[in-house]
Amino acid sequence: MADPQTPTAERKTPCPICGKPALAEFRPFCSRRCADVDLGRWLSGGYRLPDPDPPSPPPAALDPEEGLG
């Protein structure tokens, strides 16, 4: 456990991408590269949570010939 007297920026928390100690400049990452990797994951949907409900099928298109009886 980290010392509560230590400022957050100086704690040796691991980078969430590679596990190296984080630097205050790129916190919570260790480098610009790891920050960019994380941004890429966000933008590509890599952190998206799966939807527990399957998508419902689209409503059937009405046939213009149908219903003109």
PDB file of N, CA and C in Angstrom:
ATOM      1  N   MET A   1       0.847  -1.178   0.000  1.00  0.00           N
ATOM      2  CA  MET A   1       0.000   0.000   0.000  1.00  0.00           C
ATOM      3  C   MET A   1       0.888   1.236   0.000  1.00  0.00           C
ATOM      4  N   ALA A   2       0.502   2.246  -0.752  1.00  0.00           N
ATOM      5  CA  ALA A   2       1.299   3.469  -0.843  1.00  0.00           C
ATOM      6  C   ALA A   2       1.167   4.292   0.432  1.00  0.00           C
ATOM      7  N   ASP A   3       2.204   5.034   0.726  1.00  0.00           N
ATOM      8  CA  ASP A   3       2.224   5.916   1.883  1.00  0.00           C
ATOM      9  C   ASP A   3       1.238   7.056   1.643  1.00  0.00           C
ATOM     10  N   PRO A   4       0.284   7.300   2.572  1.00  0.00           N
ATOM     11  CA  PRO A   4      -0.689   8.362   2.347  1.00  0.00           C
ATOM     12  C   PRO A   4      -0.072   9.754   2.295  1.00  0.00           C
ATOM     13  N   GLN A   5       1.164   9.915   2.777  1.00  0.00           N
ATOM     14  CA  GLN A   5       1.841  11.199   2.755  1.00  0.00           C
ATOM     15  C   GLN A   5       2.459  11.498   1.389  1.00  0.00           C
ATOM     16  N   THR A   6       2.620  10.485   0.557  1.00  0.00           N
ATOM     17  CA  THR A   6       3.242  10.657  -0.755  1.00  0.00           C
ATOM     18  C   THR A   6       2.237  11.269  -1.719  1.00  0.00           C
ATOM     19  N   PRO A   7       2.586  12.378  -2.399  1.00  0.00           N
ATOM     20  CA  PRO A   7       1.673  12.961  -3.390  1.00  0.00           C
ATOM     21  C   PRO A   7       1.353  11.941  -4.488  1.00  0.00           C
ATOM     22  N   THR A   8       0.165  12.035  -5.037  1.00  0.00           N
ATOM     23  CA  THR A   8      -0.294  11.075  -6.049  1.00  0.00           C
ATOM     24  C   THR A   8       0.667  10.978  -7.223  1.00  0.00           C
ATOM     25  N   ALA A   9       1.201  12.092  -7.682  1.00  0.00           N
ATOM     26  CA  ALA A   9       2.078  12.090  -8.848  1.00  0.00           C
ATOM     27  C   ALA A   9       3.381  11.345  -8.592  1.00  0.00           C
ATOM     28  N   GLU A  10       3.780  11.211  -7.334  1.00  0.00           N
ATOM     29  CA  GLU A  10       5.047  10.556  -7.032  1.00  0.00           C
ATOM     30  C   GLU A  10       4.878   9.075  -6.708  1.00  0.00           C
ATOM     31  N   ARG A  11       3.681   8.601  -6.570  1.00  0.00           N
ATOM     32  CA  ARG A  11       3.468   7.182  -6.290  1.00  0.00           C
ATOM     33  C   ARG A  11       3.887   6.356  -7.497  1.00  0.00           C
ATOM     34  N   LYS A  12       4.337   5.177  -7.255  1.00  0.00           N
ATOM     35  CA  LYS A  12       4.783   4.294  -8.333  1.00  0.00           C
ATOM     36  C   LYS A  12       3.632   3.389  -8.761  1.00  0.00           C
ATOM     37  N   THR A  13       2.571   3.988  -9.274  1.00  0.00           N
ATOM     38  CA  THR A  13       1.452   3.197  -9.765  1.00  0.00           C
ATOM     39  C   THR A  13       1.801   2.670 -11.148  1.00  0.00           C
ATOM     40  N   PRO A  14       1.390   1.476 -11.453  1.00  0.00           N
ATOM     41  CA  PRO A  14       1.744   0.919 -12.761  1.00  0.00           C
ATOM     42  C   PRO A  14       0.914   1.528 -13.893  1.00  0.00           C
ATOM     43  N   CYS A  15       1.546   1.632 -15.022  1.00  0.00           N
ATOM     44  CA  CYS A  15       0.868   2.082 -16.237  1.00  0.00           C
ATOM     45  C   CYS A  15      -0.182   1.023 -16.602  1.00  0.00           C
ATOM     46  N   PRO A  16      -1.421   1.413 -16.900  1.00  0.00           N
ATOM     47  CA  PRO A  16      -2.438   0.411 -17.224  1.00  0.00           C
ATOM     48  C   PRO A  16      -2.199  -0.310 -18.550  1.00  0.00           C
ATOM     49  N   ILE A  17      -1.301   0.203 -19.381  1.00  0.00           N
ATOM     50  CA  ILE A  17      -1.033  -0.430 -20.675  1.00  0.00           C
ATOM     51  C   ILE A  17       0.119  -1.422 -20.579  1.00  0.00           C
ATOM     52  N   CYS A  18       1.265  -0.984 -20.015  1.00  0.00           N
ATOM     53  CA  CYS A  18       2.443  -1.850 -20.029  1.00  0.00           C
ATOM     54  C   CYS A  18       2.923  -2.276 -18.640  1.00  0.00           C
ATOM     55  N   GLY A  19       2.436  -1.628 -17.585  1.00  0.00           N
ATOM     56  CA  GLY A  19       2.818  -2.027 -16.235  1.00  0.00           C
ATOM     57  C   GLY A  19       4.033  -1.323 -15.670  1.00  0.00           C
ATOM     58  N   LYS A  20       4.707  -0.484 -16.458  1.00  0.00           N
ATOM     59  CA  LYS A  20       5.851   0.272 -15.942  1.00  0.00           C
ATOM     60  C   LYS A  20       5.340   1.349 -14.986  1.00  0.00           C
ATOM     61  N   PRO A  21       6.204   1.886 -14.116  1.00  0.00           N
ATOM     62  CA  PRO A  21       5.750   2.965 -13.221  1.00  0.00           C
ATOM     63  C   PRO A  21       5.294   4.186 -14.021  1.00  0.00           C
ATOM     64  N   ALA A  22       4.175   4.773 -13.611  1.00  0.00           N
ATOM     65  CA  ALA A  22       3.625   5.934 -14.305  1.00  0.00           C
ATOM     66  C   ALA A  22       4.451   7.173 -14.010  1.00  0.00           C
ATOM     67  N   LEU A  23       4.500   8.088 -14.971  1.00  0.00           N
ATOM     68  CA  LEU A  23       5.176   9.369 -14.803  1.00  0.00           C
ATOM     69  C   LEU A  23       4.124  10.458 -14.637  1.00  0.00           C
ATOM     70  N   ALA A  24       4.440  11.456 -13.809  1.00  0.00           N
ATOM     71  CA  ALA A  24       3.493  12.531 -13.546  1.00  0.00           C
ATOM     72  C   ALA A  24       3.087  13.240 -14.833  1.00  0.00           C
ATOM     73  N   GLU A  25       4.008  13.390 -15.759  1.00  0.00           N
ATOM     74  CA  GLU A  25       3.737  14.096 -17.013  1.00  0.00           C
ATOM     75  C   GLU A  25       2.654  13.413 -17.847  1.00  0.00           C
ATOM     76  N   PHE A  26       2.586  12.074 -17.802  1.00  0.00           N
ATOM     77  CA  PHE A  26       1.655  11.308 -18.627  1.00  0.00           C
ATOM     78  C   PHE A  26       0.630  10.552 -17.791  1.00  0.00           C
ATOM     79  N   ARG A  27       0.519  10.867 -16.531  1.00  0.00           N
ATOM     80  CA  ARG A  27      -0.307  10.135 -15.593  1.00  0.00           C
ATOM     81  C   ARG A  27      -1.681   9.853 -16.157  1.00  0.00           C
ATOM     82  N   PRO A  28      -2.211   8.672 -16.085  1.00  0.00           N
ATOM     83  CA  PRO A  28      -1.727   7.502 -15.359  1.00  0.00           C
ATOM     84  C   PRO A  28      -0.807   6.608 -16.173  1.00  0.00           C
ATOM     85  N   PHE A  29      -0.311   7.094 -17.292  1.00  0.00           N
ATOM     86  CA  PHE A  29       0.540   6.290 -18.170  1.00  0.00           C
ATOM     87  C   PHE A  29       2.014   6.572 -17.920  1.00  0.00           C
ATOM     88  N   CYS A  30       2.867   5.757 -18.526  1.00  0.00           N
ATOM     89  CA  CYS A  30       4.311   5.923 -18.352  1.00  0.00           C
ATOM     90  C   CYS A  30       4.914   6.751 -19.482  1.00  0.00           C
ATOM     91  N   SER A  31       4.197   6.877 -20.606  1.00  0.00           N
ATOM     92  CA  SER A  31       4.748   7.581 -21.768  1.00  0.00           C
ATOM     93  C   SER A  31       3.628   8.048 -22.685  1.00  0.00           C
ATOM     94  N   ARG A  32       3.977   8.883 -23.626  1.00  0.00           N
ATOM     95  CA  ARG A  32       3.020   9.352 -24.638  1.00  0.00           C
ATOM     96  C   ARG A  32       2.528   8.171 -25.463  1.00  0.00           C
ATOM     97  N   ARG A  33       3.420   7.215 -25.733  1.00  0.00           N
ATOM     98  CA  ARG A  33       3.045   6.042 -26.521  1.00  0.00           C
ATOM     99  C   ARG A  33       1.910   5.275 -25.861  1.00  0.00           C
ATOM    100  N   CYS A  34       2.033   4.987 -24.560  1.00  0.00           N
ATOM    101  CA  CYS A  34       0.981   4.243 -23.862  1.00  0.00           C
ATOM    102  C   CYS A  34      -0.318   5.048 -23.803  1.00  0.00           C
ATOM    103  N   ALA A  35      -0.214   6.369 -23.645  1.00  0.00           N
ATOM    104  CA  ALA A  35      -1.406   7.212 -23.658  1.00  0.00           C
ATOM    105  C   ALA A  35      -2.092   7.122 -25.024  1.00  0.00           C
ATOM    106  N   ASP A  36      -1.298   7.120 -26.097  1.00  0.00           N
ATOM    107  CA  ASP A  36      -1.862   7.017 -27.445  1.00  0.00           C
ATOM    108  C   ASP A  36      -2.465   5.643 -27.710  1.00  0.00           C
ATOM    109  N   VAL A  37      -1.850   4.597 -27.179  1.00  0.00           N
ATOM    110  CA  VAL A  37      -2.411   3.247 -27.314  1.00  0.00           C
ATOM    111  C   VAL A  37      -3.784   3.205 -26.649  1.00  0.00           C
ATOM    112  N   ASP A  38      -3.894   3.787 -25.461  1.00  0.00           N
ATOM    113  CA  ASP A  38      -5.165   3.810 -24.742  1.00  0.00           C
ATOM    114  C   ASP A  38      -6.211   4.614 -25.518  1.00  0.00           C
ATOM    115  N   LEU A  39      -5.820   5.766 -26.056  1.00  0.00           N
ATOM    116  CA  LEU A  39      -6.746   6.577 -26.842  1.00  0.00           C
ATOM    117  C   LEU A  39      -7.234   5.797 -28.057  1.00  0.00           C
ATOM    118  N   GLY A  40      -6.332   5.082 -28.708  1.00  0.00           N
ATOM    119  CA  GLY A  40      -6.720   4.266 -29.854  1.00  0.00           C
ATOM    120  C   GLY A  40      -7.727   3.192 -29.483  1.00  0.00           C
ATOM    121  N   ARG A  41      -7.562   2.606 -28.312  1.00  0.00           N
ATOM    122  CA  ARG A  41      -8.526   1.597 -27.851  1.00  0.00           C
ATOM    123  C   ARG A  41      -9.893   2.218 -27.613  1.00  0.00           C
ATOM    124  N   TRP A  42      -9.909   3.412 -27.037  1.00  0.00           N
ATOM    125  CA  TRP A  42     -11.179   4.106 -26.813  1.00  0.00           C
ATOM    126  C   TRP A  42     -11.852   4.416 -28.145  1.00  0.00           C
ATOM    127  N   LEU A  43     -11.097   4.968 -29.075  1.00  0.00           N
ATOM    128  CA  LEU A  43     -11.685   5.379 -30.343  1.00  0.00           C
ATOM    129  C   LEU A  43     -12.154   4.208 -31.197  1.00  0.00           C
ATOM    130  N   SER A  44     -11.512   3.055 -31.069  1.00  0.00           N
ATOM    131  CA  SER A  44     -11.911   1.896 -31.863  1.00  0.00           C
ATOM    132  C   SER A  44     -12.984   1.055 -31.180  1.00  0.00           C
ATOM    133  N   GLY A  45     -13.399   1.458 -29.979  1.00  0.00           N
ATOM    134  CA  GLY A  45     -14.439   0.711 -29.274  1.00  0.00           C
ATOM    135  C   GLY A  45     -13.905  -0.456 -28.476  1.00  0.00           C
ATOM    136  N   GLY A  46     -12.620  -0.483 -28.220  1.00  0.00           N
ATOM    137  CA  GLY A  46     -12.016  -1.589 -27.484  1.00  0.00           C
ATOM    138  C   GLY A  46     -12.462  -1.694 -26.034  1.00  0.00           C
ATOM    139  N   TYR A  47     -12.954  -0.599 -25.471  1.00  0.00           N
ATOM    140  CA  TYR A  47     -13.406  -0.615 -24.082  1.00  0.00           C
ATOM    141  C   TYR A  47     -14.928  -0.697 -23.972  1.00  0.00           C
ATOM    142  N   ARG A  48     -15.581  -0.949 -25.084  1.00  0.00           N
ATOM    143  CA  ARG A  48     -17.044  -1.023 -25.088  1.00  0.00           C
ATOM    144  C   ARG A  48     -17.507  -2.239 -24.289  1.00  0.00           C
ATOM    145  N   LEU A  49     -18.545  -2.062 -23.493  1.00  0.00           N
ATOM    146  CA  LEU A  49     -19.120  -3.162 -22.732  1.00  0.00           C
ATOM    147  C   LEU A  49     -20.099  -3.913 -23.623  1.00  0.00           C
ATOM    148  N   PRO A  50     -20.104  -5.238 -23.517  1.00  0.00           N
ATOM    149  CA  PRO A  50     -21.043  -5.993 -24.347  1.00  0.00           C
ATOM    150  C   PRO A  50     -22.482  -5.739 -23.899  1.00  0.00           C
ATOM    151  N   ASP A  51     -23.390  -5.698 -24.851  1.00  0.00           N
ATOM    152  CA  ASP A  51     -24.808  -5.501 -24.566  1.00  0.00           C
ATOM    153  C   ASP A  51     -25.399  -6.853 -24.178  1.00  0.00           C
ATOM    154  N   PRO A  52     -26.007  -6.957 -22.988  1.00  0.00           N
ATOM    155  CA  PRO A  52     -26.556  -8.251 -22.577  1.00  0.00           C
ATOM    156  C   PRO A  52     -27.760  -8.677 -23.414  1.00  0.00           C
ATOM    157  N   ASP A  53     -28.475  -7.731 -24.019  1.00  0.00           N
ATOM    158  CA  ASP A  53     -29.624  -8.064 -24.848  1.00  0.00           C
ATOM    159  C   ASP A  53     -29.202  -8.086 -26.315  1.00  0.00           C
ATOM    160  N   PRO A  54     -29.529  -9.158 -27.018  1.00  0.00           N
ATOM    161  CA  PRO A  54     -29.192  -9.177 -28.447  1.00  0.00           C
ATOM    162  C   PRO A  54     -30.016  -8.117 -29.167  1.00  0.00           C
ATOM    163  N   PRO A  55     -29.508  -7.581 -30.246  1.00  0.00           N
ATOM    164  CA  PRO A  55     -30.270  -6.554 -30.977  1.00  0.00           C
ATOM    165  C   PRO A  55     -31.567  -7.141 -31.523  1.00  0.00           C
ATOM    166  N   SER A  56     -32.620  -6.367 -31.461  1.00  0.00           N
ATOM    167  CA  SER A  56     -33.899  -6.848 -31.983  1.00  0.00           C
ATOM    168  C   SER A  56     -33.871  -6.738 -33.506  1.00  0.00           C
ATOM    169  N   PRO A  57     -34.549  -7.643 -34.175  1.00  0.00           N
ATOM    170  CA  PRO A  57     -34.556  -7.579 -35.637  1.00  0.00           C
ATOM    171  C   PRO A  57     -35.296  -6.323 -36.086  1.00  0.00           C
ATOM    172  N   PRO A  58     -34.902  -5.780 -37.217  1.00  0.00           N
ATOM    173  CA  PRO A  58     -35.590  -4.574 -37.703  1.00  0.00           C
ATOM    174  C   PRO A  58     -37.033  -4.915 -38.065  1.00  0.00           C
ATOM    175  N   PRO A  59     -37.932  -3.950 -37.915  1.00  0.00           N
ATOM    176  CA  PRO A  59     -39.330  -4.236 -38.283  1.00  0.00           C
ATOM    177  C   PRO A  59     -39.430  -4.555 -39.769  1.00  0.00           C
ATOM    178  N   ALA A  60     -40.332  -5.466 -40.087  1.00  0.00           N
ATOM    179  CA  ALA A  60     -40.494  -5.859 -41.498  1.00  0.00           C
ATOM    180  C   ALA A  60     -40.988  -4.667 -42.300  1.00  0.00           C
ATOM    181  N   ALA A  61     -40.394  -4.488 -43.441  1.00  0.00           N
ATOM    182  CA  ALA A  61     -40.815  -3.398 -44.317  1.00  0.00           C
ATOM    183  C   ALA A  61     -42.200  -3.741 -44.872  1.00  0.00           C
ATOM    184  N   LEU A  62     -43.029  -2.753 -44.916  1.00  0.00           N
ATOM    185  CA  LEU A  62     -44.368  -2.975 -45.462  1.00  0.00           C
ATOM    186  C   LEU A  62     -44.281  -3.081 -46.984  1.00  0.00           C
ATOM    187  N   ASP A  63     -44.900  -4.109 -47.485  1.00  0.00           N
ATOM    188  CA  ASP A  63     -44.946  -4.308 -48.923  1.00  0.00           C
ATOM    189  C   ASP A  63     -46.053  -3.432 -49.498  1.00  0.00           C
ATOM    190  N   PRO A  64     -45.745  -2.552 -50.459  1.00  0.00           N
ATOM    191  CA  PRO A  64     -46.790  -1.667 -50.993  1.00  0.00           C
ATOM    192  C   PRO A  64     -47.932  -2.445 -51.656  1.00  0.00           C
ATOM    193  N   GLU A  65     -47.664  -3.649 -52.157  1.00  0.00           N
ATOM    194  CA  GLU A  65     -48.708  -4.456 -52.791  1.00  0.00           C
ATOM    195  C   GLU A  65     -49.624  -5.060 -51.743  1.00  0.00           C
ATOM    196  N   GLU A  66     -49.101  -5.241 -50.547  1.00  0.00           N
ATOM    197  CA  GLU A  66     -49.872  -5.854 -49.482  1.00  0.00           C
ATOM    198  C   GLU A  66     -50.793  -4.814 -48.881  1.00  0.00           C
ATOM    199  N   GLY A  67     -51.996  -5.173 -48.572  1.00  0.00           N
ATOM    200  CA  GLY A  67     -52.917  -4.264 -47.947  1.00  0.00           C
ATOM    201  C   GLY A  67     -53.718  -3.423 -48.931  1.00  0.00           C
ATOM    202  N   LEU A  68     -53.449  -3.575 -50.212  1.00  0.00           N
ATOM    203  CA  LEU A  68     -54.231  -2.844 -51.211  1.00  0.00           C
ATOM    204  C   LEU A  68     -55.333  -3.755 -51.763  1.00  0.00           C
ATOM    205  N   GLY A  69     -55.978  -4.473 -51.028  1.00  0.00           N
ATOM    206  CA  GLY A  69     -56.903  -5.471 -51.419  1.00  0.00           C
ATOM    207  C   GLY A  69     -57.983  -5.193 -52.252  1.00  0.00           C
TER     208      GLY A  69
END
